């Protein structure tokens, strides 16, 4: 299951998935869409692992306790943003953090004339 390996899901959890769904071994399971077809308790374990891996990569949270990171992970939600959609605009006060898992973003900054530039 490539998606489980890509997100470095622990072997014990991968084994549970493959035990319950042996066809996962033969399936291409390259997308998180397939994870959504697993039982809810397995989905939750996989998503929690992925969220904790993302948090471990944030320098600001490097020294945060496991409990602190676990608390943040439980509050993280996954969103899909369509092309050309703004996540936020210049000078807006931020109230959340974004993790780019797949895709790309552009950051536009207004110059002194108010013209947006990359």
Foldseek 3Di string as FASTA:
>chain_A
DVCCVVLVPDPVLVVVVCVVPVCVVVDPPPDCVVVVVDPPVSSVSSQLSSQLVVQCPDPVCVPPDPVVSSVVSVVDDDDDDDPPDDPDDPPDDDDDDDDDPDDDDDDWDQDPVRDTDD
